Amino acid sequence: ANTPMGMGYSSFMGWFGDSMESCDGAEPGFAVGGSGPLMDTLPSFWRQDSKASFEAPWCDLLRATKMLDAEELFVACRTFKAELNDVADEEIRRRSREIILQHHYDQAPLFLVHALQLMHLPMQYPEHFAPPTFSGTKPQNEDLRAATYGALTYVDWVIGDLINAFKEKKQYENTIVLVTSDNGGAIYAGTANNNFPLRGGKFNNFEGGQRVNAFFSGGWVEAALKENKMPPFASETVMAINDVPDTLLQMVGINQGMGHASGPLIGVPLWDKIL
């Protein structure tokens, strides 16, 4: 049950691993750390749907083993292989857009996590976002930086497209957008990132590897700033990823937090510190 749906999401589309080949869903040879046990068992591109009216083809076999409890069996029977007919980030973008437009906001709020493969390796995205490559007289790193720039251009367009979907649904004013990252840019061979002025990068404990930019946006945030007579601003508040759930709850007026006992990995609400 240690999958997105098993952890509480109603649906999922993507991989159970990292560094995935965006064109066929396979794991490339340079995948960070190699494939783990889950990826060895479940390679390729997947989707999960708790509302599916049919079961996966392996469900009867899993049921016969009697090795899974009811919750695990429910998740496994609604986990399906997905076909890739485009660059994976485009498939996922279209699915997120569909969710935004089809959700019934009068019945329940929508919590959507759109996790792009980019800016992670491999740098694969629709070709028309790629800038012209540099001539052969330029250093090789110039081509890597051009590819990275194209990827970031595409990421920016995806975020804008999903924002437009909320506006089409007349829900932008009720929407909180958080954009963040899992780690600083990789600075090893085959990458073209620069975390300056921070030292280091991915896989080390310097700030260049651990500290990332993040921002809150959306119509709800714009209204909160207006109510407090504040212009958009940059905050110096230090937030860990653990703090995000409780901070989102505090933003919408739910102050009891996630209900976890206190501990070193439990976050704290920080919206009042940011604002």
Protein backbone atom coordinates (compact mmCIF):
# COMPACT_ATOMS: atom_id res chain seq x y z
CA ALA A 1 0.00 0.00 0.00
CA ASN A 2 3.07 2.27 -0.03
CA THR A 3 1.98 3.97 -3.25
CA PRO A 4 0.21 7.32 -3.81
CA MET A 5 -3.25 5.77 -3.65
CA GLY A 6 -2.27 3.67 -0.67
CA MET A 7 -1.14 6.86 1.06
CA GLY A 8 -4.50 8.57 0.57
CA TYR A 9 -4.66 9.99 -2.96
CA SER A 10 -7.76 9.06 -4.96
CA SER A 11 -5.81 8.76 -8.21
CA PHE A 12 -2.25 8.76 -9.55
CA MET A 13 -0.37 8.77 -12.85
CA GLY A 14 3.39 8.34 -13.16
CA TRP A 15 6.23 6.06 -12.14
CA PHE A 16 7.21 4.26 -8.95
CA GLY A 17 10.77 5.52 -9.32
CA ASP A 18 12.98 8.34 -10.60
CA SER A 19 15.01 9.28 -13.70
CA MET A 20 12.46 7.59 -15.91
CA GLU A 21 12.60 7.51 -19.68
CA SER A 22 9.83 9.94 -20.60
CA CYS A 23 9.14 8.46 -24.02
CA ASP A 24 8.58 4.78 -23.18
CA GLY A 25 8.35 4.71 -19.37
CA ALA A 26 11.42 2.52 -18.95
CA GLU A 27 14.19 3.24 -16.49
CA PRO A 28 17.37 4.47 -18.22
CA GLY A 29 20.79 3.09 -17.29
CA PHE A 30 21.85 6.28 -15.51
CA ALA A 31 18.89 6.30 -13.10
CA VAL A 32 20.01 7.76 -9.80
CA GLY A 33 20.92 4.93 -7.45
CA GLY A 34 19.70 2.27 -9.87
CA SER A 35 16.30 0.65 -9.64
CA GLY A 36 14.95 -0.24 -6.22
CA PRO A 37 12.86 -3.30 -5.31
CA LEU A 38 9.60 -1.59 -6.26
CA MET A 39 10.94 -0.54 -9.65
CA ASP A 40 12.32 -4.04 -10.28
CA THR A 41 8.81 -5.39 -9.74
CA LEU A 42 6.79 -2.55 -11.28
CA PRO A 43 8.73 -0.83 -14.09
CA SER A 44 7.19 1.50 -16.67
CA PHE A 45 4.31 3.98 -16.50
CA TRP A 46 1.35 3.48 -14.15
CA ARG A 47 -1.96 4.91 -13.07
CA GLN A 48 -4.16 4.33 -10.03
CA ASP A 49 -7.86 5.12 -9.69
CA SER A 50 -9.84 4.43 -6.52
CA LYS A 51 -13.10 5.03 -8.42
CA ALA A 52 -12.38 2.51 -11.17
CA SER A 53 -15.34 0.23 -11.84
CA PHE A 54 -13.10 -2.61 -13.03
CA GLU A 55 -10.08 -4.43 -11.59
CA ALA A 56 -6.54 -4.97 -12.81
CA PRO A 57 -5.94 -8.29 -14.63
CA TRP A 58 -3.73 -9.63 -11.84
CA CYS A 59 -6.33 -9.03 -9.13
CA ASP A 60 -7.64 -12.62 -8.98
CA LEU A 61 -4.10 -13.95 -8.65
CA LEU A 62 -3.31 -11.55 -5.80
CA ARG A 63 -6.59 -12.40 -4.10
CA ALA A 64 -5.78 -16.13 -4.30
CA THR A 65 -2.42 -15.66 -2.57
CA LYS A 66 -4.18 -14.31 0.55
CA MET A 67 -1.02 -12.32 1.27
CA LEU A 68 -2.64 -8.88 1.17
CA ASP A 69 -5.07 -7.33 3.61
CA ALA A 70 -8.26 -5.69 2.32
CA GLU A 71 -6.73 -2.23 1.91
CA GLU A 72 -3.64 -3.52 0.11
CA LEU A 73 -5.79 -5.64 -2.19
CA PHE A 74 -8.04 -2.67 -3.01
CA VAL A 75 -5.02 -0.59 -4.00
CA ALA A 76 -3.38 -3.39 -6.00
CA CYS A 77 -6.59 -4.17 -7.91
CA ARG A 78 -6.94 -0.53 -8.99
CA THR A 79 -3.36 -0.10 -10.14
CA PHE A 80 -3.03 -0.32 -13.93
CA LYS A 81 -0.29 -0.15 -16.55
CA ALA A 82 -0.64 3.10 -18.50
CA GLU A 83 0.23 3.66 -22.14
CA LEU A 84 2.60 6.44 -23.11
CA ASN A 85 1.53 8.07 -26.36
CA ASP A 86 3.50 11.27 -25.80
CA VAL A 87 6.29 12.64 -23.61
CA ALA A 88 5.27 11.57 -20.11
CA ASP A 89 5.11 15.11 -18.69
CA GLU A 90 2.57 15.94 -21.41
CA GLU A 91 0.45 12.89 -20.51
CA ILE A 92 0.50 13.94 -16.86
CA ARG A 93 -0.25 17.59 -17.70
CA ARG A 94 -3.32 16.58 -19.67
CA ARG A 95 -4.48 14.35 -16.82
CA SER A 96 -4.06 17.14 -14.26
CA ARG A 97 -5.96 19.52 -16.52
CA GLU A 98 -8.75 16.96 -16.84
CA ILE A 99 -8.95 16.59 -13.05
CA ILE A 100 -9.14 20.37 -12.58
CA LEU A 101 -11.94 20.77 -15.13
CA GLN A 102 -13.99 17.73 -14.06
CA HIS A 103 -13.80 18.15 -10.28
CA HIS A 104 -17.03 19.06 -8.44
CA TYR A 105 -15.87 21.94 -6.25
CA ASP A 106 -19.27 22.34 -4.63
CA GLN A 107 -18.91 18.85 -3.13
CA ALA A 108 -15.30 18.89 -1.89
CA PRO A 109 -12.09 20.90 -2.28
CA LEU A 110 -9.43 19.64 -4.68
CA PHE A 111 -5.92 18.76 -3.48
CA LEU A 112 -3.76 18.21 -6.56
CA VAL A 113 -0.05 17.37 -6.62
CA HIS A 114 1.42 17.84 -10.08
CA ALA A 115 4.93 16.38 -9.89
CA LEU A 116 6.84 17.06 -13.07
CA GLN A 117 9.63 14.74 -14.18
CA LEU A 118 11.51 17.89 -15.14
CA MET A 119 13.80 19.47 -14.07
CA HIS A 120 15.08 15.96 -13.38
CA LEU A 121 17.11 13.91 -15.79
CA PRO A 122 16.52 12.86 -18.48
CA MET A 123 15.79 16.25 -20.07
CA GLN A 124 12.92 15.21 -22.33
CA TYR A 125 10.09 17.54 -23.35
CA PRO A 126 8.16 18.60 -26.49
CA GLU A 127 10.66 19.55 -29.16
CA HIS A 128 9.21 22.98 -29.93
CA PHE A 129 10.29 24.20 -26.48
CA ALA A 130 13.95 23.46 -27.23
CA PRO A 131 16.06 26.51 -28.06
CA PRO A 132 18.51 26.34 -31.00
CA THR A 133 21.66 24.51 -29.95
CA PHE A 134 24.97 26.29 -30.07
CA SER A 135 27.62 25.77 -32.73
CA GLY A 136 30.35 23.16 -32.40
CA THR A 137 32.87 25.86 -31.53
CA LYS A 138 31.15 26.42 -28.18
CA PRO A 139 32.01 24.36 -25.09
CA GLN A 140 29.94 21.18 -24.72
CA ASN A 141 28.33 22.59 -21.58
CA GLU A 142 26.62 25.22 -23.72
CA ASP A 143 24.42 22.55 -25.31
CA LEU A 144 23.56 21.16 -21.88
CA ARG A 145 22.60 24.61 -20.68
CA ALA A 146 20.46 25.12 -23.78
CA ALA A 147 18.63 21.85 -23.10
CA THR A 148 18.15 22.85 -19.46
CA TYR A 149 16.80 26.25 -20.49
CA GLY A 150 14.32 24.57 -22.85
CA ALA A 151 13.17 22.25 -20.06
CA LEU A 152 12.60 25.16 -17.70
CA THR A 153 10.69 27.04 -20.40
CA TYR A 154 8.41 24.02 -20.74
CA VAL A 155 7.93 23.72 -16.95
CA ASP A 156 6.92 27.38 -16.80
CA TRP A 157 4.39 26.82 -19.60
CA VAL A 158 2.90 23.77 -17.84
CA ILE A 159 2.35 25.70 -14.62
CA GLY A 160 0.69 28.49 -16.59
CA ASP A 161 -1.53 26.03 -18.44
CA LEU A 162 -2.78 24.50 -15.18
CA ILE A 163 -3.41 27.97 -13.74
CA ASN A 164 -5.46 28.74 -16.85
CA ALA A 165 -7.47 25.56 -16.26
CA PHE A 166 -8.48 26.82 -12.80
CA LYS A 167 -9.47 30.14 -14.36
CA GLU A 168 -11.54 28.37 -17.02
CA LYS A 169 -13.34 26.54 -14.20
CA LYS A 170 -13.86 29.86 -12.34
CA GLN A 171 -11.91 28.52 -9.37
CA TYR A 172 -8.73 30.57 -9.50
CA GLU A 173 -9.87 32.93 -6.74
CA ASN A 174 -10.24 29.89 -4.43
CA THR A 175 -6.91 28.33 -5.36
CA ILE A 176 -3.63 28.17 -3.43
CA VAL A 177 -0.62 27.31 -5.59
CA LEU A 178 2.65 26.13 -4.09
CA VAL A 179 5.63 25.59 -6.38
CA THR A 180 8.68 23.95 -4.85
CA SER A 181 11.40 21.35 -5.51
CA ASP A 182 12.81 18.27 -3.83
CA ASN A 183 16.49 19.29 -3.87
CA GLY A 184 19.00 21.71 -5.32
CA GLY A 185 20.33 21.34 -8.84
CA ALA A 186 22.67 18.47 -9.65
CA ILE A 187 26.21 19.65 -10.42
CA TYR A 188 27.81 16.35 -11.44
CA ALA A 189 28.86 15.39 -14.99
CA GLY A 190 26.08 15.50 -17.55
CA THR A 191 24.19 18.36 -15.92
CA ALA A 192 24.29 22.12 -16.40
CA ASN A 193 22.94 23.55 -13.14
CA ASN A 194 24.32 26.33 -11.00
CA ASN A 195 23.20 26.89 -7.40
CA PHE A 196 25.27 30.05 -6.88
CA PRO A 197 25.54 31.77 -4.45
CA LEU A 198 24.82 28.60 -2.48
CA ARG A 199 27.58 26.03 -2.14
CA GLY A 200 27.23 22.48 -3.44
CA GLY A 201 24.36 20.65 -5.09
CA LYS A 202 22.27 17.51 -5.11
CA PHE A 203 23.62 14.59 -3.02
CA ASN A 204 25.48 16.75 -0.49
CA ASN A 205 24.50 18.57 2.66
CA PHE A 206 25.57 22.06 1.65
CA GLU A 207 22.80 24.59 1.07
CA GLY A 208 23.10 24.21 -2.70
CA GLY A 209 21.82 20.67 -2.32
CA GLN A 210 19.26 21.16 0.45
CA ARG A 211 17.83 24.65 -0.03
CA VAL A 212 15.47 25.44 -2.90
CA ASN A 213 13.31 28.29 -4.07
CA ALA A 214 9.59 28.03 -3.43
CA PHE A 215 6.63 30.35 -3.75
CA PHE A 216 2.95 30.59 -2.89
CA SER A 217 0.61 32.03 -5.49
CA GLY A 218 -2.97 31.74 -6.71
CA GLY A 219 -6.08 33.85 -6.31
CA TRP A 220 -6.47 32.96 -2.64
CA VAL A 221 -2.97 34.25 -1.88
CA GLU A 222 -3.58 37.41 -3.91
CA ALA A 223 -6.71 38.08 -1.84
CA ALA A 224 -4.83 37.47 1.43
CA LEU A 225 -2.17 40.00 0.43
CA LYS A 226 -4.82 42.52 -0.54
CA GLU A 227 -6.65 42.02 2.76
CA ASN A 228 -3.43 42.69 4.65
CA LYS A 229 -2.58 45.63 2.36
CA MET A 230 0.65 43.96 1.30
CA PRO A 231 2.31 43.80 -2.12
CA PRO A 232 3.87 40.53 -3.33
CA PHE A 233 7.11 40.02 -1.43
CA ALA A 234 10.01 37.65 -0.83
CA SER A 235 9.99 35.99 2.60
CA GLU A 236 13.09 34.99 4.54
CA THR A 237 11.10 32.35 6.46
CA VAL A 238 12.88 28.98 6.43
CA MET A 239 10.41 26.19 5.69
CA ALA A 240 11.04 22.44 5.51
CA ILE A 241 8.91 20.17 3.35
CA ASN A 242 7.49 18.73 6.59
CA ASP A 243 5.91 22.12 7.30
CA VAL A 244 3.86 22.27 4.10
CA PRO A 245 0.76 20.24 5.13
CA ASP A 246 0.20 22.12 8.40
CA THR A 247 0.91 25.45 6.70
CA LEU A 248 -1.71 24.75 4.02
CA LEU A 249 -4.23 23.82 6.70
CA GLN A 250 -3.49 27.02 8.62
CA MET A 251 -3.98 29.06 5.44
CA VAL A 252 -7.57 27.81 5.11
CA GLY A 253 -8.38 28.24 8.80
CA ILE A 254 -7.87 24.68 10.05
CA ASN A 255 -5.67 25.02 13.11
CA GLN A 256 -5.61 21.54 14.63
CA GLY A 257 -2.91 20.52 12.14
CA MET A 258 -2.43 17.01 10.79
CA GLY A 259 -3.16 15.37 14.13
CA HIS A 260 0.28 13.79 14.53
CA ALA A 261 2.10 13.53 17.83
CA SER A 262 5.03 15.94 18.10
CA GLY A 263 8.39 14.65 16.94
CA PRO A 264 11.51 15.59 14.96
CA LEU A 265 9.86 14.97 11.56
CA ILE A 266 6.54 16.68 12.31
CA GLY A 267 6.07 20.06 10.66
CA VAL A 268 4.67 23.28 12.06
CA PRO A 269 2.28 25.82 10.46
CA LEU A 270 4.21 28.81 9.14
CA TRP A 271 1.72 30.92 7.21
CA ASP A 272 1.47 33.43 10.06
CA LYS A 273 5.27 33.68 10.05
CA ILE A 274 5.43 34.16 6.28
CA LEU A 275 2.66 36.74 6.16
